[in-house]
Amino acid sequence: MSLQAVIPLFPKFTALDGIGPYEVLQRIPDIDITFIAAERGVVRSENGMLGIEADGTFDDFPTPDIVVFPGGHGTRALLTDEQVLDWVRSVHPTTTYTTSVCTGSLVLAAAGLLEGLTATTHWGARDVLTQHGSTPVPDRVVEHLDRRIITAAGVSSGIDMALRLVELLYDRTAAEAAQLMIEYDPQPPFDMGSLEKSNDTVMTRVIEYAQHRD
């Protein structure tokens, strides 16, 4: 029997937050994936350059097996969007796993799923997790398997989370097969992939780029 996974989209989502896990999960024959949104149609990423088609709505999927909630600047508007928050609250009791990538965890937190739990998110949004009753940690992937919740840190960590999710759903060999199929063998030319490794020079450039994007 196939598992139904959904990846919610919203205006100003971060593309790799959703596409990274998608590329892992879609390698497994028993997982069906649908991109969903408040309405069907094209939803554009945070810079407007990329659009992804939402083939279903939140109402179309009241009982998904897997939720992968991506992040992006658009998550801030979702923190008070009762349609989205109510959907998260309503589907979680019957999911196999409810997961998030980057600031997608803020939505889970706003829905009350992370109350009193540790969680991770993009380093620039850790304070928002605190505001919603969660304790932010710098880990790349944070699991609360008794609650069926997994959160991943910024953007690229969604690939790591999805590989772990495949292991939990099937076995290690399935996860390793997916890893090999996408040839995920990170060997970055630089070592600046976390806040804890940053320096003032790089952070100044990050702020400059972020302001330009806004």
C-alpha atoms as a PDB file:
ATOM      1  CA  MET A   1       0.000   0.000   0.000  1.00  0.00           C
ATOM      2  CA  SER A   2       1.374   3.397  -1.007  1.00  0.00           C
ATOM      3  CA  LEU A   3       2.129   6.128   1.466  1.00  0.00           C
ATOM      4  CA  GLN A   4       0.711   9.560   0.679  1.00  0.00           C
ATOM      5  CA  ALA A   5       3.189  12.381   1.249  1.00  0.00           C
ATOM      6  CA  VAL A   6       2.264  16.032   0.862  1.00  0.00           C
ATOM      7  CA  ILE A   7       4.514  19.065   0.548  1.00  0.00           C
ATOM      8  CA  PRO A   8       2.612  22.299   1.237  1.00  0.00           C
ATOM      9  CA  LEU A   9       3.419  25.325  -0.897  1.00  0.00           C
ATOM     10  CA  PHE A  10       2.768  28.978  -0.148  1.00  0.00           C
ATOM     11  CA  PRO A  11       3.876  32.295  -1.635  1.00  0.00           C
ATOM     12  CA  LYS A  12       7.574  32.975  -0.975  1.00  0.00           C
ATOM     13  CA  PHE A  13       8.551  29.400  -0.101  1.00  0.00           C
ATOM     14  CA  THR A  14      12.196  28.323  -0.380  1.00  0.00           C
ATOM     15  CA  ALA A  15      12.491  25.953  -3.323  1.00  0.00           C
ATOM     16  CA  LEU A  16      15.099  23.499  -2.037  1.00  0.00           C
ATOM     17  CA  ASP A  17      13.211  23.087   1.250  1.00  0.00           C
ATOM     18  CA  GLY A  18      10.565  21.195  -0.675  1.00  0.00           C
ATOM     19  CA  ILE A  19      12.468  19.917  -3.699  1.00  0.00           C
ATOM     20  CA  GLY A  20      15.304  18.396  -1.651  1.00  0.00           C
ATOM     21  CA  PRO A  21      13.021  16.012   0.284  1.00  0.00           C
ATOM     22  CA  TYR A  22      10.958  15.453  -2.850  1.00  0.00           C
ATOM     23  CA  GLU A  23      14.012  14.182  -4.730  1.00  0.00           C
ATOM     24  CA  VAL A  24      14.702  11.684  -1.945  1.00  0.00           C
ATOM     25  CA  LEU A  25      11.159  10.501  -1.304  1.00  0.00           C
ATOM     26  CA  GLN A  26      10.146  10.185  -4.956  1.00  0.00           C
ATOM     27  CA  ARG A  27      12.838   7.547  -5.437  1.00  0.00           C
ATOM     28  CA  ILE A  28      10.843   5.147  -3.249  1.00  0.00           C
ATOM     29  CA  PRO A  29       8.174   3.377  -5.348  1.00  0.00           C
ATOM     30  CA  ASP A  30       5.696   3.121  -2.464  1.00  0.00           C
ATOM     31  CA  ILE A  31       5.576   6.872  -1.773  1.00  0.00           C
ATOM     32  CA  ASP A  32       3.190   9.113  -3.703  1.00  0.00           C
ATOM     33  CA  ILE A  33       3.938  12.822  -3.395  1.00  0.00           C
ATOM     34  CA  THR A  34       1.637  15.749  -4.032  1.00  0.00           C
ATOM     35  CA  PHE A  35       2.466  19.427  -3.784  1.00  0.00           C
ATOM     36  CA  ILE A  36      -0.513  21.151  -2.177  1.00  0.00           C
ATOM     37  CA  ALA A  37      -1.554  24.715  -1.362  1.00  0.00           C
ATOM     38  CA  ALA A  38      -4.560  26.771  -0.317  1.00  0.00           C
ATOM     39  CA  GLU A  39      -5.610  26.724  -3.979  1.00  0.00           C
ATOM     40  CA  ARG A  40      -4.488  24.691  -6.968  1.00  0.00           C
ATOM     41  CA  GLY A  41      -2.176  26.381  -9.402  1.00  0.00           C
ATOM     42  CA  VAL A  42       1.324  27.779  -9.625  1.00  0.00           C
ATOM     43  CA  VAL A  43       2.920  28.995  -6.394  1.00  0.00           C
ATOM     44  CA  ARG A  44       6.039  31.099  -6.708  1.00  0.00           C
ATOM     45  CA  SER A  45       9.177  30.925  -4.577  1.00  0.00           C
ATOM     46  CA  GLU A  46      10.493  33.730  -2.405  1.00  0.00           C
ATOM     47  CA  ASN A  47      12.293  35.579  -5.211  1.00  0.00           C
ATOM     48  CA  GLY A  48       9.468  34.973  -7.690  1.00  0.00           C
ATOM     49  CA  MET A  49      11.780  33.305 -10.192  1.00  0.00           C
ATOM     50  CA  LEU A  50      10.458  29.770  -9.732  1.00  0.00           C
ATOM     51  CA  GLY A  51       6.898  28.498  -9.753  1.00  0.00           C
ATOM     52  CA  ILE A  52       5.727  25.022  -8.762  1.00  0.00           C
ATOM     53  CA  GLU A  53       2.299  23.642  -9.575  1.00  0.00           C
ATOM     54  CA  ALA A  54       0.145  22.735  -6.593  1.00  0.00           C
ATOM     55  CA  ASP A  55      -1.909  19.748  -7.754  1.00  0.00           C
ATOM     56  CA  GLY A  56      -4.127  19.656  -4.678  1.00  0.00           C
ATOM     57  CA  THR A  57      -5.463  21.763  -1.828  1.00  0.00           C
ATOM     58  CA  PHE A  58      -5.261  21.361   1.930  1.00  0.00           C
ATOM     59  CA  ASP A  59      -8.888  20.267   1.909  1.00  0.00           C
ATOM     60  CA  ASP A  60      -8.079  17.530  -0.607  1.00  0.00           C
ATOM     61  CA  PHE A  61      -5.715  15.835   1.855  1.00  0.00           C
ATOM     62  CA  PRO A  62      -7.269  15.514   5.319  1.00  0.00           C
ATOM     63  CA  THR A  63      -5.275  12.375   6.247  1.00  0.00           C
ATOM     64  CA  PRO A  64      -1.822  12.334   4.612  1.00  0.00           C
ATOM     65  CA  ASP A  65       0.692   9.801   5.852  1.00  0.00           C
ATOM     66  CA  ILE A  66       3.661  12.156   5.585  1.00  0.00           C
ATOM     67  CA  VAL A  67       3.823  15.945   5.823  1.00  0.00           C
ATOM     68  CA  VAL A  68       6.972  17.798   4.754  1.00  0.00           C
ATOM     69  CA  PHE A  69       6.435  21.483   5.515  1.00  0.00           C
ATOM     70  CA  PRO A  70       9.051  23.654   3.795  1.00  0.00           C
ATOM     71  CA  GLY A  71      10.182  27.084   4.904  1.00  0.00           C
ATOM     72  CA  GLY A  72      10.910  30.451   3.372  1.00  0.00           C
ATOM     73  CA  HIS A  73      10.018  34.086   3.987  1.00  0.00           C
ATOM     74  CA  GLY A  74       6.388  33.222   3.360  1.00  0.00           C
ATOM     75  CA  THR A  75       6.124  31.211   6.555  1.00  0.00           C
ATOM     76  CA  ARG A  76       5.799  34.413   8.580  1.00  0.00           C
ATOM     77  CA  ALA A  77       2.352  35.052   7.095  1.00  0.00           C
ATOM     78  CA  LEU A  78       1.348  31.476   7.886  1.00  0.00           C
ATOM     79  CA  LEU A  79       1.942  31.912  11.608  1.00  0.00           C
ATOM     80  CA  THR A  80      -1.449  33.619  11.838  1.00  0.00           C
ATOM     81  CA  ASP A  81      -3.142  31.798   8.969  1.00  0.00           C
ATOM     82  CA  GLU A  82      -5.794  29.746  10.728  1.00  0.00           C
ATOM     83  CA  GLN A  83      -6.631  27.715   7.622  1.00  0.00           C
ATOM     84  CA  VAL A  84      -3.081  26.402   7.466  1.00  0.00           C
ATOM     85  CA  LEU A  85      -2.656  26.047  11.230  1.00  0.00           C
ATOM     86  CA  ASP A  86      -5.970  24.223  11.604  1.00  0.00           C
ATOM     87  CA  TRP A  87      -4.969  21.854   8.800  1.00  0.00           C
ATOM     88  CA  VAL A  88      -1.650  21.085  10.504  1.00  0.00           C
ATOM     89  CA  ARG A  89      -3.430  20.444  13.803  1.00  0.00           C
ATOM     90  CA  SER A  90      -6.070  18.264  12.186  1.00  0.00           C
ATOM     91  CA  VAL A  91      -3.763  16.057  10.107  1.00  0.00           C
ATOM     92  CA  HIS A  92      -1.009  15.446  12.638  1.00  0.00           C
ATOM     93  CA  PRO A  93      -2.913  12.970  14.857  1.00  0.00           C
ATOM     94  CA  THR A  94      -3.109  10.504  11.957  1.00  0.00           C
ATOM     95  CA  THR A  95       0.188  11.105  10.132  1.00  0.00           C
ATOM     96  CA  THR A  96       2.969   8.566  10.239  1.00  0.00           C
ATOM     97  CA  TYR A  97       5.398  11.488  10.485  1.00  0.00           C
ATOM     98  CA  THR A  98       4.967  15.239  10.437  1.00  0.00           C
ATOM     99  CA  THR A  99       8.188  16.944   9.361  1.00  0.00           C
ATOM    100  CA  SER A 100       9.521  20.361   8.475  1.00  0.00           C
ATOM    101  CA  VAL A 101      12.483  21.961   6.779  1.00  0.00           C
ATOM    102  CA  CYS A 102      13.994  25.338   7.641  1.00  0.00           C
ATOM    103  CA  THR A 103      11.345  27.801   8.879  1.00  0.00           C
ATOM    104  CA  GLY A 104       8.624  25.276   8.181  1.00  0.00           C
ATOM    105  CA  SER A 105       9.127  24.358  11.840  1.00  0.00           C
ATOM    106  CA  LEU A 106       7.763  27.772  12.775  1.00  0.00           C
ATOM    107  CA  VAL A 107       4.428  26.717  11.296  1.00  0.00           C
ATOM    108  CA  LEU A 108       4.451  23.481  13.277  1.00  0.00           C
ATOM    109  CA  ALA A 109       5.278  25.504  16.381  1.00  0.00           C
ATOM    110  CA  ALA A 110       2.528  28.054  15.748  1.00  0.00           C
ATOM    111  CA  ALA A 111       0.089  25.162  15.390  1.00  0.00           C
ATOM    112  CA  GLY A 112       1.117  23.947  18.842  1.00  0.00           C
ATOM    113  CA  LEU A 113       2.943  20.791  17.756  1.00  0.00           C
ATOM    114  CA  LEU A 114       6.323  21.797  19.192  1.00  0.00           C
ATOM    115  CA  GLU A 115       5.195  23.086  22.585  1.00  0.00           C
ATOM    116  CA  GLY A 116       7.835  22.125  25.145  1.00  0.00           C
ATOM    117  CA  LEU A 117       9.981  20.311  22.569  1.00  0.00           C
ATOM    118  CA  THR A 118      13.394  20.967  21.121  1.00  0.00           C
ATOM    119  CA  ALA A 119      13.374  21.760  17.416  1.00  0.00           C
ATOM    120  CA  THR A 120      15.568  23.192  14.713  1.00  0.00           C
ATOM    121  CA  THR A 121      15.105  25.747  11.980  1.00  0.00           C
ATOM    122  CA  HIS A 122      17.163  28.158   9.922  1.00  0.00           C
ATOM    123  CA  TRP A 123      19.645  29.878  12.233  1.00  0.00           C
ATOM    124  CA  GLY A 124      18.055  33.258  11.498  1.00  0.00           C
ATOM    125  CA  ALA A 125      14.696  32.206  12.932  1.00  0.00           C
ATOM    126  CA  ARG A 126      15.577  30.411  16.145  1.00  0.00           C
ATOM    127  CA  ASP A 127      14.098  33.215  18.243  1.00  0.00           C
ATOM    128  CA  VAL A 128      10.689  32.697  16.631  1.00  0.00           C
ATOM    129  CA  LEU A 129      10.664  29.080  17.769  1.00  0.00           C
ATOM    130  CA  THR A 130      11.205  30.330  21.300  1.00  0.00           C
ATOM    131  CA  GLN A 131       8.238  32.683  20.985  1.00  0.00           C
ATOM    132  CA  HIS A 132       6.041  29.686  20.211  1.00  0.00           C
ATOM    133  CA  GLY A 133       7.096  27.555  23.157  1.00  0.00           C
ATOM    134  CA  SER A 134       9.819  25.461  21.548  1.00  0.00           C
ATOM    135  CA  THR A 135      13.500  25.265  22.440  1.00  0.00           C
ATOM    136  CA  PRO A 136      15.709  25.854  19.383  1.00  0.00           C
ATOM    137  CA  VAL A 137      18.855  23.772  19.017  1.00  0.00           C
ATOM    138  CA  PRO A 138      21.559  24.029  16.328  1.00  0.00           C
ATOM    139  CA  ASP A 139      21.301  20.369  15.284  1.00  0.00           C
ATOM    140  CA  ARG A 140      20.804  19.620  11.606  1.00  0.00           C
ATOM    141  CA  VAL A 141      17.925  17.201  12.252  1.00  0.00           C
ATOM    142  CA  VAL A 142      15.903  16.899  15.458  1.00  0.00           C
ATOM    143  CA  GLU A 143      13.671  13.896  16.080  1.00  0.00           C
ATOM    144  CA  HIS A 144      10.831  13.313  18.527  1.00  0.00           C
ATOM    145  CA  LEU A 145       9.797   9.909  17.341  1.00  0.00           C
ATOM    146  CA  ASP A 146       7.332   9.409  20.189  1.00  0.00           C
ATOM    147  CA  ARG A 147       5.502  12.468  18.834  1.00  0.00           C
ATOM    148  CA  ARG A 148       6.134  11.459  15.181  1.00  0.00           C
ATOM    149  CA  ILE A 149       7.802  14.820  14.560  1.00  0.00           C
ATOM    150  CA  ILE A 150      11.078  15.565  12.796  1.00  0.00           C
ATOM    151  CA  THR A 151      12.422  19.061  12.132  1.00  0.00           C
ATOM    152  CA  ALA A 152      15.347  19.944   9.886  1.00  0.00           C
ATOM    153  CA  ALA A 153      17.476  23.083   9.925  1.00  0.00           C
ATOM    154  CA  GLY A 154      18.046  25.400   6.974  1.00  0.00           C
ATOM    155  CA  VAL A 155      17.370  24.477   3.354  1.00  0.00           C
ATOM    156  CA  SER A 156      19.873  21.738   2.447  1.00  0.00           C
ATOM    157  CA  SER A 157      19.277  19.835   5.691  1.00  0.00           C
ATOM    158  CA  GLY A 158      15.936  18.717   4.275  1.00  0.00           C
ATOM    159  CA  ILE A 159      17.816  16.133   2.212  1.00  0.00           C
ATOM    160  CA  ASP A 160      19.358  14.676   5.374  1.00  0.00           C
ATOM    161  CA  MET A 161      15.964  14.638   7.060  1.00  0.00           C
ATOM    162  CA  ALA A 162      14.324  12.882   4.122  1.00  0.00           C
ATOM    163  CA  LEU A 163      16.987  10.188   4.050  1.00  0.00           C
ATOM    164  CA  ARG A 164      16.421   9.561   7.749  1.00  0.00           C
ATOM    165  CA  LEU A 165      12.687   9.505   7.117  1.00  0.00           C
ATOM    166  CA  VAL A 166      13.114   6.794   4.480  1.00  0.00           C
ATOM    167  CA  GLU A 167      15.139   4.754   6.964  1.00  0.00           C
ATOM    168  CA  LEU A 168      12.383   5.080   9.560  1.00  0.00           C
ATOM    169  CA  LEU A 169       9.660   4.182   7.072  1.00  0.00           C
ATOM    170  CA  TYR A 170      11.513   1.266   5.456  1.00  0.00           C
ATOM    171  CA  ASP A 171      15.098   0.431   6.388  1.00  0.00           C
ATOM    172  CA  ARG A 172      18.656   1.646   6.074  1.00  0.00           C
ATOM    173  CA  THR A 173      19.150  -0.008   2.702  1.00  0.00           C
ATOM    174  CA  ALA A 174      16.213   1.922   1.261  1.00  0.00           C
ATOM    175  CA  ALA A 175      17.719   5.176   2.532  1.00  0.00           C
ATOM    176  CA  GLU A 176      21.139   4.299   1.160  1.00  0.00           C
ATOM    177  CA  ALA A 177      19.611   3.372  -2.179  1.00  0.00           C
ATOM    178  CA  ALA A 178      17.885   6.760  -2.359  1.00  0.00           C
ATOM    179  CA  GLN A 179      21.129   8.469  -1.388  1.00  0.00           C
ATOM    180  CA  LEU A 180      23.012   6.686  -4.141  1.00  0.00           C
ATOM    181  CA  MET A 181      20.298   7.399  -6.718  1.00  0.00           C
ATOM    182  CA  ILE A 182      20.612  11.139  -6.126  1.00  0.00           C
ATOM    183  CA  GLU A 183      24.395  10.805  -5.725  1.00  0.00           C
ATOM    184  CA  TYR A 184      24.263  12.729  -2.476  1.00  0.00           C
ATOM    185  CA  ASP A 185      27.901  12.739  -1.416  1.00  0.00           C
ATOM    186  CA  PRO A 186      28.557  16.230  -0.029  1.00  0.00           C
ATOM    187  CA  GLN A 187      32.107  17.487  -0.378  1.00  0.00           C
ATOM    188  CA  PRO A 188      31.654  21.260  -0.150  1.00  0.00           C
ATOM    189  CA  PRO A 189      34.598  23.420  -1.178  1.00  0.00           C
ATOM    190  CA  PHE A 190      34.031  25.655   1.860  1.00  0.00           C
ATOM    191  CA  ASP A 191      33.256  25.077   5.546  1.00  0.00           C
ATOM    192  CA  MET A 192      30.746  27.833   6.254  1.00  0.00           C
ATOM    193  CA  GLY A 193      27.519  25.855   6.393  1.00  0.00           C
ATOM    194  CA  SER A 194      26.325  26.786   9.876  1.00  0.00           C
ATOM    195  CA  LEU A 195      26.037  29.809  12.121  1.00  0.00           C
ATOM    196  CA  GLU A 196      28.518  28.268  14.524  1.00  0.00           C
ATOM    197  CA  LYS A 197      31.193  28.268  11.786  1.00  0.00           C
ATOM    198  CA  SER A 198      30.545  31.813  10.561  1.00  0.00           C
ATOM    199  CA  ASN A 199      32.638  34.940  10.954  1.00  0.00           C
ATOM    200  CA  ASP A 200      31.950  38.662  10.829  1.00  0.00           C
ATOM    201  CA  THR A 201      33.141  39.093   7.248  1.00  0.00           C
ATOM    202  CA  VAL A 202      30.832  36.441   5.852  1.00  0.00           C
ATOM    203  CA  MET A 203      27.938  37.531   8.048  1.00  0.00           C
ATOM    204  CA  THR A 204      28.242  41.094   6.727  1.00  0.00           C
ATOM    205  CA  ARG A 205      27.885  39.738   3.189  1.00  0.00           C
ATOM    206  CA  VAL A 206      24.914  37.583   4.232  1.00  0.00           C
ATOM    207  CA  ILE A 207      23.144  40.650   5.622  1.00  0.00           C
ATOM    208  CA  GLU A 208      23.923  42.618   2.462  1.00  0.00           C
ATOM    209  CA  TYR A 209      22.478  39.925   0.229  1.00  0.00           C
ATOM    210  CA  ALA A 210      19.436  39.457   2.446  1.00  0.00           C
ATOM    211  CA  GLN A 211      18.623  43.156   2.393  1.00  0.00           C
ATOM    212  CA  HIS A 212      18.955  43.240  -1.375  1.00  0.00           C
ATOM    213  CA  ARG A 213      16.558  40.315  -1.706  1.00  0.00           C
ATOM    214  CA  ASP A 214      13.984  41.960   0.552  1.00  0.00           C
END
